[in-house]
Amino acid sequence: MKTLNLSEMKQLKIFIGFLSVLAVLTFTACNKDLEQFDDIVPPGPNPSPGLATALASNSNYSLYNAIVVKSGMSGTLNDSLRTLTMFVPTNAAVKQAITALTMGQVPSGSPDAVYLGFINSANFTQATAAGIVGYNAVPHKIDFAAIPQNFPNFQYPSLLNPAPQLSALLRLTTFPSRTNGNFVNNVPITSAAINAGNGIMFETGALVAPPQRYLWDRISTDPLMGYLKAAIQRADSGSVAGNPTSSLVAALQSIGANLTVFAPSDAAFQATLYVLAYPSVRAAVYAQYIAGGASTTTANAMADAQAPAQTTALVSSPTVFSNPLLFSSLTAEKVKGVVVYHILGSRAFLNNLPATQANYPTLLNSAIVSHPGVGLKVTMTGPMAVSATVKGAVNASAANVSINPTPEPGGSSDQHYTNGVLHKIDQVLLPMAF
């Protein structure tokens, strides 16, 4: 056994002394009377009627009340331990939605009993009713006066989980805003808050329908968006294999995305592609004649004569993006830069846009931070957007949004999807000169 020297013995005494002091302090602390606190009493249930009860008592909302009953969510909406905000369409708004949903099989102007009969029928399922009610209920008390008027608008989770198989916590979001008035998504709020025991209700001018599909579902199937679809696919041809974050198609069908797509018409793509493709086509015609022994004068004359028609024919189909002749001018990188310039990284309905043109970033800004983005502007008449424009950085004029907020297939503005909003426009937006 080792014998401690004088220095080691001194250190041991200090350490033992420290333990002794610590033991005394611990003993003293353990024997001190505990500070007393009052018992925490949870708040009791609010005795006032819940939202479902308040809704049922108002004859202006009798048809929506029938939807709530069909949904089986009355207990949830009456739960006194919850605080909720409900967006409630009037009877007129529910009638309008049912006529549209049935494509006129329940004609406009039918008696209330006919609409009520449809709600209670097997054609209007409990799952459909629960989807509508869940999407129109938010687990917060919304104060519109406290919502900032900044762009983009606020978003709140609803009670609706669109894919519980992916996650029990997943929720579709709604977008209350007070830019150009009080709205939820693009639907105007038409009343002050109506109080109930466990929350508030706001009357809406139309039924706020939950989105059903992804942005890519619309883009890839709309016969009038063939060029946009082909451009996205050309852009993705340069993506890194196995990296979904580099794929535009993956983003446009991702439940976690939150985007706004300005979708140029096919005619707009044809006009822009003509300008981009013409130099390559003319050069090819010129080279063909030179190779055949023509003089430069003759080759130039024939190129000027034939290139316009050949260019028009070349860009007359979305296959222009897969034509090897144009791979040098329509590279995957260049096409992707143009496509992402048409996409905002937030969801913007037309009523969220400013009345005076202002610039906002697009997905292109993630690669070019200093880029000015796009200029956005809307003109409102009451709660309706009557015109809206999107200005590209080098476009001579702003592109116009085609105003038609009715649902697809005919709708062209404020088209709402699970991962974003789509607006059709009449120009291709150009971020830089090509």
Protein backbone atom coordinates (compact mmCIF):
# COMPACT_ATOMS: atom_id res chain seq x y z
CA MET A 1 0.00 0.00 0.00
CA LYS A 2 1.30 3.40 -1.04
CA THR A 3 2.19 5.88 1.73
CA LEU A 4 0.85 9.39 1.09
CA ASN A 5 3.40 12.19 1.20
CA LEU A 6 2.76 15.45 3.03
CA SER A 7 1.31 17.25 0.00
CA GLU A 8 -1.07 14.40 -0.82
CA MET A 9 -2.25 14.18 2.79
CA LYS A 10 -3.01 17.93 2.76
CA GLN A 11 -5.08 17.58 -0.46
CA LEU A 12 -6.99 14.61 1.04
CA LYS A 13 -7.88 16.63 4.17
CA ILE A 14 -9.16 19.49 2.03
CA PHE A 15 -11.29 17.09 -0.04
CA ILE A 16 -12.73 15.39 3.09
CA GLY A 17 -13.48 18.79 4.55
CA PHE A 18 -15.31 19.79 1.37
CA LEU A 19 -17.46 16.65 1.54
CA SER A 20 -18.28 17.39 5.17
CA VAL A 21 -19.43 20.92 4.37
CA LEU A 22 -21.48 19.59 1.43
CA ALA A 23 -23.12 16.99 3.67
CA VAL A 24 -24.09 19.66 6.22
CA LEU A 25 -25.53 21.90 3.52
CA THR A 26 -27.46 19.01 2.00
CA PHE A 27 -28.82 17.92 5.38
CA THR A 28 -29.86 21.49 6.21
CA ALA A 29 -31.54 21.94 2.86
CA CYS A 30 -33.38 18.63 3.12
CA ASN A 31 -34.73 19.52 6.57
CA LYS A 32 -35.90 23.00 5.58
CA ASP A 33 -39.68 23.41 5.44
CA LEU A 34 -40.90 23.30 1.85
CA GLU A 35 -42.38 26.50 0.48
CA GLN A 36 -46.13 26.11 0.18
CA PHE A 37 -48.04 26.89 -3.03
CA ASP A 38 -51.75 26.97 -3.71
CA ASP A 39 -53.16 24.03 -5.63
CA ILE A 40 -53.49 24.66 -9.35
CA VAL A 41 -57.14 24.53 -10.28
CA PRO A 42 -57.80 23.97 -13.98
CA PRO A 43 -60.36 26.28 -15.53
CA GLY A 44 -63.84 24.86 -15.52
CA PRO A 45 -65.91 24.41 -18.64
CA ASN A 46 -67.46 27.57 -20.05
CA PRO A 47 -71.19 27.48 -19.24
CA SER A 48 -72.10 29.36 -22.43
CA PRO A 49 -73.31 27.30 -25.43
CA GLY A 50 -70.59 25.84 -27.62
CA LEU A 51 -70.06 26.62 -31.29
CA ALA A 52 -72.22 23.77 -32.61
CA THR A 53 -75.10 24.80 -30.33
CA ALA A 54 -74.73 28.46 -31.29
CA LEU A 55 -74.68 27.49 -34.97
CA ALA A 56 -77.84 25.37 -34.63
CA SER A 57 -79.72 28.27 -33.05
CA ASN A 58 -79.13 30.60 -36.02
CA SER A 59 -81.52 30.02 -38.93
CA ASN A 60 -79.15 31.85 -41.34
CA TYR A 61 -76.81 28.87 -41.09
CA SER A 62 -79.31 25.99 -41.06
CA LEU A 63 -77.84 24.28 -44.13
CA TYR A 64 -74.28 24.45 -42.80
CA ASN A 65 -75.61 23.16 -39.49
CA ALA A 66 -76.95 20.15 -41.39
CA ILE A 67 -73.44 19.60 -42.78
CA VAL A 68 -72.01 19.78 -39.24
CA VAL A 69 -74.54 17.22 -38.03
CA LYS A 70 -73.74 14.96 -41.01
CA SER A 71 -70.01 15.28 -40.24
CA GLY A 72 -70.37 13.90 -36.72
CA MET A 73 -68.24 16.75 -35.39
CA SER A 74 -70.83 18.52 -33.20
CA GLY A 75 -69.17 17.20 -30.05
CA THR A 76 -65.78 18.51 -31.14
CA LEU A 77 -67.22 21.94 -31.94
CA ASN A 78 -69.01 22.05 -28.59
CA ASP A 79 -65.99 20.90 -26.56
CA SER A 80 -65.69 23.44 -23.74
CA LEU A 81 -61.98 22.65 -23.29
CA ARG A 82 -61.19 23.79 -26.82
CA THR A 83 -60.88 27.28 -28.23
CA LEU A 84 -61.94 27.37 -31.87
CA THR A 85 -62.68 29.71 -34.75
CA MET A 86 -65.28 28.57 -37.27
CA PHE A 87 -65.83 29.96 -40.76
CA VAL A 88 -69.52 29.56 -41.50
CA PRO A 89 -71.12 30.04 -44.94
CA THR A 90 -74.63 31.43 -45.15
CA ASN A 91 -77.49 29.37 -46.52
CA ALA A 92 -77.11 31.16 -49.86
CA ALA A 93 -73.42 30.27 -49.98
CA VAL A 94 -74.11 26.60 -49.21
CA LYS A 95 -76.76 26.49 -51.95
CA GLN A 96 -74.33 27.96 -54.45
CA ALA A 97 -71.68 25.38 -53.49
CA ILE A 98 -74.10 22.44 -53.78
CA THR A 99 -75.33 23.57 -57.20
CA ALA A 100 -71.71 23.75 -58.35
CA LEU A 101 -70.79 20.43 -56.70
CA THR A 102 -73.69 18.63 -58.39
CA MET A 103 -73.00 20.40 -61.70
CA GLY A 104 -76.54 21.75 -61.69
CA GLN A 105 -78.33 18.54 -60.74
CA VAL A 106 -79.53 20.50 -57.72
CA PRO A 107 -80.57 23.61 -59.67
CA SER A 108 -80.03 27.13 -58.41
CA GLY A 109 -83.19 28.43 -56.76
CA SER A 110 -84.36 25.04 -55.48
CA PRO A 111 -86.26 25.01 -52.17
CA ASP A 112 -84.25 24.63 -48.99
CA ALA A 113 -85.70 21.13 -48.54
CA VAL A 114 -84.06 20.01 -51.81
CA TYR A 115 -80.62 21.20 -50.65
CA LEU A 116 -81.20 19.64 -47.24
CA GLY A 117 -82.17 16.39 -48.93
CA PHE A 118 -78.88 16.36 -50.86
CA ILE A 119 -76.86 16.96 -47.66
CA ASN A 120 -78.62 14.06 -45.96
CA SER A 121 -78.30 11.75 -48.98
CA ALA A 122 -75.71 9.05 -49.58
CA ASN A 123 -74.28 11.14 -52.43
CA PHE A 124 -72.96 13.60 -49.84
CA THR A 125 -70.85 11.36 -47.64
CA GLN A 126 -70.00 11.76 -43.98
CA ALA A 127 -66.32 11.98 -44.96
CA THR A 128 -67.05 14.88 -47.33
CA ALA A 129 -68.99 16.69 -44.61
CA ALA A 130 -66.21 16.09 -42.07
CA GLY A 131 -63.62 17.40 -44.53
CA ILE A 132 -65.56 20.63 -45.04
CA VAL A 133 -66.25 21.20 -41.35
CA GLY A 134 -62.73 20.25 -40.28
CA TYR A 135 -61.17 22.62 -42.81
CA ASN A 136 -63.44 25.46 -41.68
CA ALA A 137 -62.48 25.08 -38.00
CA VAL A 138 -59.23 26.47 -36.61
CA PRO A 139 -57.94 25.60 -33.10
CA HIS A 140 -57.30 29.25 -32.23
CA LYS A 141 -59.37 32.36 -31.63
CA ILE A 142 -58.53 34.56 -34.62
CA ASP A 143 -58.47 38.31 -34.17
CA PHE A 144 -58.37 39.85 -37.63
CA ALA A 145 -57.30 43.21 -36.22
CA ALA A 146 -54.12 41.57 -34.94
CA ILE A 147 -53.18 40.00 -38.28
CA PRO A 148 -50.36 42.00 -39.92
CA GLN A 149 -50.98 43.28 -43.43
CA ASN A 150 -47.59 42.08 -44.60
CA PHE A 151 -47.10 39.82 -47.61
CA PRO A 152 -47.54 36.86 -47.62
CA ASN A 153 -50.64 36.26 -45.53
CA PHE A 154 -50.91 34.38 -42.26
CA GLN A 155 -51.66 30.69 -42.14
CA TYR A 156 -53.37 28.69 -39.42
CA PRO A 157 -53.74 24.91 -39.15
CA SER A 158 -57.29 23.63 -39.47
CA LEU A 159 -58.70 20.53 -37.78
CA LEU A 160 -58.50 18.59 -41.06
CA ASN A 161 -55.76 15.99 -41.44
CA PRO A 162 -55.58 15.17 -45.17
CA ALA A 163 -53.24 12.19 -44.80
CA PRO A 164 -53.33 10.60 -41.33
CA GLN A 165 -51.44 7.63 -42.75
CA LEU A 166 -48.42 9.94 -43.16
CA SER A 167 -48.65 11.66 -39.77
CA ALA A 168 -51.22 12.09 -37.02
CA LEU A 169 -50.02 15.70 -36.65
CA LEU A 170 -50.52 16.71 -40.28
CA ARG A 171 -53.05 19.50 -40.86
CA LEU A 172 -54.27 21.45 -43.87
CA THR A 173 -53.86 25.15 -43.29
CA THR A 174 -56.20 28.06 -43.94
CA PHE A 175 -55.04 31.56 -44.77
CA PRO A 176 -56.83 34.39 -42.97
CA SER A 177 -55.71 37.86 -44.10
CA ARG A 178 -56.81 41.48 -43.95
CA THR A 179 -55.07 42.85 -47.02
CA ASN A 180 -57.79 44.49 -49.13
CA GLY A 181 -60.33 43.43 -46.48
CA ASN A 182 -60.88 40.44 -44.21
CA PHE A 183 -60.59 37.08 -45.99
CA VAL A 184 -60.03 33.41 -45.33
CA ASN A 185 -58.16 32.15 -48.40
CA ASN A 186 -59.86 34.14 -51.18
CA VAL A 187 -63.31 34.13 -49.54
CA PRO A 188 -64.48 37.37 -47.91
CA ILE A 189 -65.53 37.52 -44.27
CA THR A 190 -69.00 39.07 -44.19
CA SER A 191 -69.66 39.55 -40.47
CA ALA A 192 -68.05 40.58 -37.23
CA ALA A 193 -67.08 37.83 -34.81
CA ILE A 194 -70.03 35.89 -33.40
CA ASN A 195 -69.16 34.72 -29.88
CA ALA A 196 -69.84 31.30 -28.41
CA GLY A 197 -68.75 29.62 -25.20
CA ASN A 198 -65.66 27.98 -26.66
CA GLY A 199 -64.75 30.30 -29.50
CA ILE A 200 -66.03 32.52 -32.30
CA MET A 201 -67.67 32.22 -35.69
CA PHE A 202 -67.19 34.35 -38.79
CA GLU A 203 -69.72 34.39 -41.60
CA THR A 204 -68.24 33.87 -45.07
CA GLY A 205 -69.53 34.89 -48.49
CA ALA A 206 -68.89 31.44 -49.93
CA LEU A 207 -68.13 27.94 -48.75
CA VAL A 208 -64.39 27.60 -48.05
CA ALA A 209 -63.76 24.22 -49.65
CA PRO A 210 -60.73 22.14 -48.65
CA PRO A 211 -58.24 21.55 -51.49
CA GLN A 212 -58.21 18.05 -52.91
CA ARG A 213 -55.25 17.71 -55.29
CA TYR A 214 -51.63 18.72 -55.75
CA LEU A 215 -50.39 21.48 -58.03
CA TRP A 216 -48.72 18.89 -60.26
CA ASP A 217 -52.05 17.07 -60.67
CA ARG A 218 -53.45 20.19 -62.36
CA ILE A 219 -50.35 21.10 -64.37
CA SER A 220 -49.76 17.57 -65.66
CA THR A 221 -53.36 16.99 -66.78
CA ASP A 222 -54.57 20.41 -67.99
CA PRO A 223 -54.56 20.33 -71.82
CA LEU A 224 -53.84 24.07 -71.82
CA MET A 225 -50.67 23.69 -69.73
CA GLY A 226 -48.76 21.29 -71.97
CA TYR A 227 -45.81 23.66 -72.41
CA LEU A 228 -45.47 24.34 -68.68
CA LYS A 229 -45.52 20.60 -68.00
CA ALA A 230 -42.85 19.98 -70.66
CA ALA A 231 -40.72 22.86 -69.35
CA ILE A 232 -40.83 21.45 -65.82
CA GLN A 233 -39.84 18.03 -67.09
CA ARG A 234 -36.99 19.55 -69.15
CA ALA A 235 -35.82 21.42 -66.03
CA ASP A 236 -35.88 18.18 -64.03
CA SER A 237 -33.76 16.41 -66.65
CA GLY A 238 -30.80 18.22 -65.12
CA SER A 239 -31.70 17.26 -61.53
CA VAL A 240 -29.36 15.18 -59.42
CA ALA A 241 -30.50 11.55 -59.47
CA GLY A 242 -31.90 10.42 -56.15
CA ASN A 243 -32.14 13.96 -54.77
CA PRO A 244 -35.84 14.85 -54.49
CA THR A 245 -35.06 18.40 -53.34
CA SER A 246 -33.71 19.19 -56.80
CA SER A 247 -36.88 18.00 -58.57
CA LEU A 248 -39.62 20.48 -59.42
CA VAL A 249 -42.11 17.67 -60.01
CA ALA A 250 -41.41 16.37 -56.49
CA ALA A 251 -41.98 19.82 -55.00
CA LEU A 252 -45.20 20.31 -56.96
CA GLN A 253 -46.62 17.07 -55.55
CA SER A 254 -45.29 17.41 -52.01
CA ILE A 255 -47.79 17.77 -49.16
CA GLY A 256 -45.23 19.85 -47.29
CA ALA A 257 -44.79 22.51 -49.97
CA ASN A 258 -46.44 25.94 -49.83
CA LEU A 259 -46.19 27.57 -53.26
CA THR A 260 -47.76 30.00 -55.69
CA VAL A 261 -47.42 29.14 -59.39
CA PHE A 262 -47.94 31.71 -62.14
CA ALA A 263 -48.67 29.43 -65.08
CA PRO A 264 -48.12 30.89 -68.57
CA SER A 265 -50.58 29.85 -71.24
CA ASP A 266 -49.44 27.65 -74.13
CA ALA A 267 -49.75 30.65 -76.47
CA ALA A 268 -47.46 32.65 -74.18
CA PHE A 269 -44.85 29.88 -74.27
CA GLN A 270 -45.06 29.68 -78.06
CA ALA A 271 -44.41 33.43 -78.41
CA THR A 272 -41.41 33.37 -76.07
CA LEU A 273 -39.97 30.15 -77.49
CA TYR A 274 -40.16 31.57 -81.01
CA VAL A 275 -37.85 34.40 -79.96
CA LEU A 276 -35.47 32.01 -78.19
CA ALA A 277 -35.46 29.36 -80.94
CA TYR A 278 -35.24 31.58 -84.01
CA PRO A 279 -31.46 32.20 -83.88
CA SER A 280 -30.74 28.46 -83.67
CA VAL A 281 -33.16 27.64 -86.49
CA ARG A 282 -31.82 30.39 -88.74
CA ALA A 283 -28.25 29.28 -88.08
CA ALA A 284 -29.19 25.70 -88.99
CA VAL A 285 -30.83 26.77 -92.26
CA TYR A 286 -27.85 28.96 -93.14
CA ALA A 287 -25.40 26.14 -92.40
CA GLN A 288 -27.44 23.75 -94.54
CA TYR A 289 -27.18 26.01 -97.57
CA ILE A 290 -23.49 26.72 -97.04
CA ALA A 291 -22.86 22.98 -96.82
CA GLY A 292 -24.69 22.61 -100.12
CA GLY A 293 -22.34 25.06 -101.83
CA ALA A 294 -24.44 28.22 -101.71
CA SER A 295 -22.81 31.61 -101.34
CA THR A 296 -23.11 33.49 -98.09
CA THR A 297 -25.50 35.93 -99.78
CA THR A 298 -27.76 33.12 -100.95
CA ALA A 299 -27.51 31.27 -97.63
CA ASN A 300 -28.48 34.41 -95.71
CA ALA A 301 -31.40 35.09 -98.03
CA MET A 302 -32.70 31.53 -97.77
CA ALA A 303 -32.27 31.52 -93.97
CA ASP A 304 -34.26 34.76 -93.69
CA ALA A 305 -36.97 33.33 -95.93
CA GLN A 306 -37.31 29.86 -94.38
CA ALA A 307 -36.42 30.30 -90.70
CA PRO A 308 -39.69 32.00 -89.62
CA ALA A 309 -41.94 29.17 -90.83
CA GLN A 310 -39.58 26.49 -89.55
CA THR A 311 -39.34 28.18 -86.16
CA THR A 312 -43.12 28.45 -85.92
CA ALA A 313 -43.46 24.76 -86.74
CA LEU A 314 -40.74 23.86 -84.25
CA VAL A 315 -42.38 25.66 -81.32
CA SER A 316 -45.92 24.58 -82.20
CA SER A 317 -45.73 21.60 -79.81
CA PRO A 318 -44.49 21.12 -76.23
CA THR A 319 -42.01 18.64 -77.68
CA VAL A 320 -39.87 21.69 -78.43
CA PHE A 321 -38.30 21.16 -75.00
CA SER A 322 -37.09 17.68 -75.97
CA ASN A 323 -35.81 18.64 -79.43
CA PRO A 324 -32.00 18.08 -79.60
CA LEU A 325 -31.72 20.99 -82.05
CA LEU A 326 -32.52 23.38 -79.20
CA PHE A 327 -30.66 21.69 -76.35
CA SER A 328 -27.90 24.28 -76.60
CA SER A 329 -30.33 27.20 -76.20
CA LEU A 330 -32.91 25.48 -73.99
CA THR A 331 -30.56 23.84 -71.51
CA ALA A 332 -32.04 22.17 -68.43
CA GLU A 333 -30.39 24.81 -66.24
CA LYS A 334 -31.75 27.75 -68.24
CA VAL A 335 -35.27 26.28 -68.44
CA LYS A 336 -35.24 25.58 -64.70
CA GLY A 337 -34.24 29.18 -64.01
CA VAL A 338 -37.22 30.40 -66.01
CA VAL A 339 -39.65 27.94 -64.40
CA VAL A 340 -38.67 28.69 -60.79
CA TYR A 341 -39.01 32.40 -61.61
CA HIS A 342 -42.74 31.68 -61.92
CA ILE A 343 -43.01 30.18 -58.43
CA LEU A 344 -43.26 31.93 -55.07
CA GLY A 345 -42.22 30.12 -51.91
CA SER A 346 -45.47 31.11 -50.19
CA ARG A 347 -49.18 30.85 -50.92
CA ALA A 348 -50.74 34.02 -52.33
CA PHE A 349 -54.36 34.45 -53.32
CA LEU A 350 -55.07 37.50 -55.48
CA ASN A 351 -56.65 39.36 -52.56
CA ASN A 352 -53.28 39.11 -50.78
CA LEU A 353 -51.48 41.10 -53.51
CA PRO A 354 -50.74 44.82 -53.09
CA ALA A 355 -52.85 47.51 -54.77
CA THR A 356 -49.64 49.24 -55.90
CA GLN A 357 -47.05 47.13 -57.71
CA ALA A 358 -44.33 45.83 -55.41
CA ASN A 359 -41.58 43.27 -55.94
CA TYR A 360 -41.40 39.95 -54.12
CA PRO A 361 -38.87 37.09 -54.30
CA THR A 362 -39.42 33.88 -56.21
CA LEU A 363 -37.71 30.51 -55.91
CA LEU A 364 -35.03 31.90 -58.22
CA ASN A 365 -33.87 34.08 -55.32
CA SER A 366 -32.59 31.01 -53.50
CA ALA A 367 -29.88 30.87 -56.19
CA ILE A 368 -29.64 34.58 -57.05
CA VAL A 369 -30.29 36.38 -53.77
CA SER A 370 -29.97 39.87 -55.24
CA HIS A 371 -32.51 39.31 -58.02
CA PRO A 372 -35.43 41.79 -57.84
CA GLY A 373 -38.06 39.05 -58.10
CA VAL A 374 -41.44 39.74 -59.71
CA GLY A 375 -43.71 42.76 -59.45
CA LEU A 376 -47.21 41.94 -58.17
CA LYS A 377 -50.35 44.06 -58.26
CA VAL A 378 -54.12 43.55 -57.88
CA THR A 379 -57.15 45.73 -58.50
CA MET A 380 -60.12 44.99 -56.24
CA THR A 381 -63.75 45.98 -56.62
CA GLY A 382 -65.27 45.32 -53.22
CA PRO A 383 -64.14 41.85 -52.14
CA MET A 384 -63.46 40.69 -55.71
CA ALA A 385 -60.19 40.79 -57.65
CA VAL A 386 -61.08 42.22 -61.07
CA SER A 387 -57.54 42.33 -62.46
CA ALA A 388 -54.03 41.35 -61.41
CA THR A 389 -50.60 41.58 -63.02
CA VAL A 390 -47.18 39.98 -62.63
CA LYS A 391 -44.14 41.85 -63.99
CA GLY A 392 -40.97 39.99 -64.98
CA ALA A 393 -37.63 41.77 -64.55
CA VAL A 394 -36.95 42.19 -68.29
CA ASN A 395 -40.47 41.86 -69.70
CA ALA A 396 -41.51 45.01 -71.55
CA SER A 397 -44.94 44.86 -69.92
CA ALA A 398 -46.61 43.02 -67.06
CA ALA A 399 -48.36 39.69 -67.59
CA ASN A 400 -52.10 39.62 -66.88
CA VAL A 401 -53.71 37.04 -64.64
CA SER A 402 -56.71 35.37 -66.28
CA ILE A 403 -59.44 36.11 -63.74
CA ASN A 404 -61.78 33.17 -63.13
CA PRO A 405 -61.77 31.84 -59.56
CA THR A 406 -64.28 29.05 -60.19
CA PRO A 407 -62.92 25.55 -59.53
CA GLU A 408 -61.15 23.50 -62.17
CA PRO A 409 -61.28 22.54 -64.95
CA GLY A 410 -62.44 25.97 -66.09
CA GLY A 411 -60.95 28.10 -63.33
CA SER A 412 -57.80 30.10 -63.99
CA SER A 413 -57.14 32.24 -60.87
CA ASP A 414 -57.00 31.42 -57.15
CA GLN A 415 -56.91 27.72 -58.00
CA HIS A 416 -56.30 26.16 -54.59
CA TYR A 417 -54.40 22.91 -54.05
CA THR A 418 -53.08 21.06 -51.03
CA ASN A 419 -49.59 22.49 -51.58
CA GLY A 420 -50.28 25.86 -53.13
CA VAL A 421 -52.19 28.22 -55.41
CA LEU A 422 -52.11 28.54 -59.20
CA HIS A 423 -52.88 31.54 -61.42
CA LYS A 424 -52.79 31.43 -65.24
CA ILE A 425 -50.99 34.35 -66.95
CA ASP A 426 -50.60 35.51 -70.55
CA GLN A 427 -46.80 35.94 -70.71
CA VAL A 428 -43.70 33.98 -69.83
CA LEU A 429 -41.87 35.91 -67.12
CA LEU A 430 -38.24 36.57 -67.97
CA PRO A 431 -35.76 36.99 -65.10
CA MET A 432 -32.98 38.19 -67.42
CA ALA A 433 -32.21 38.77 -71.08
CA PHE A 434 -31.47 35.64 -73.12
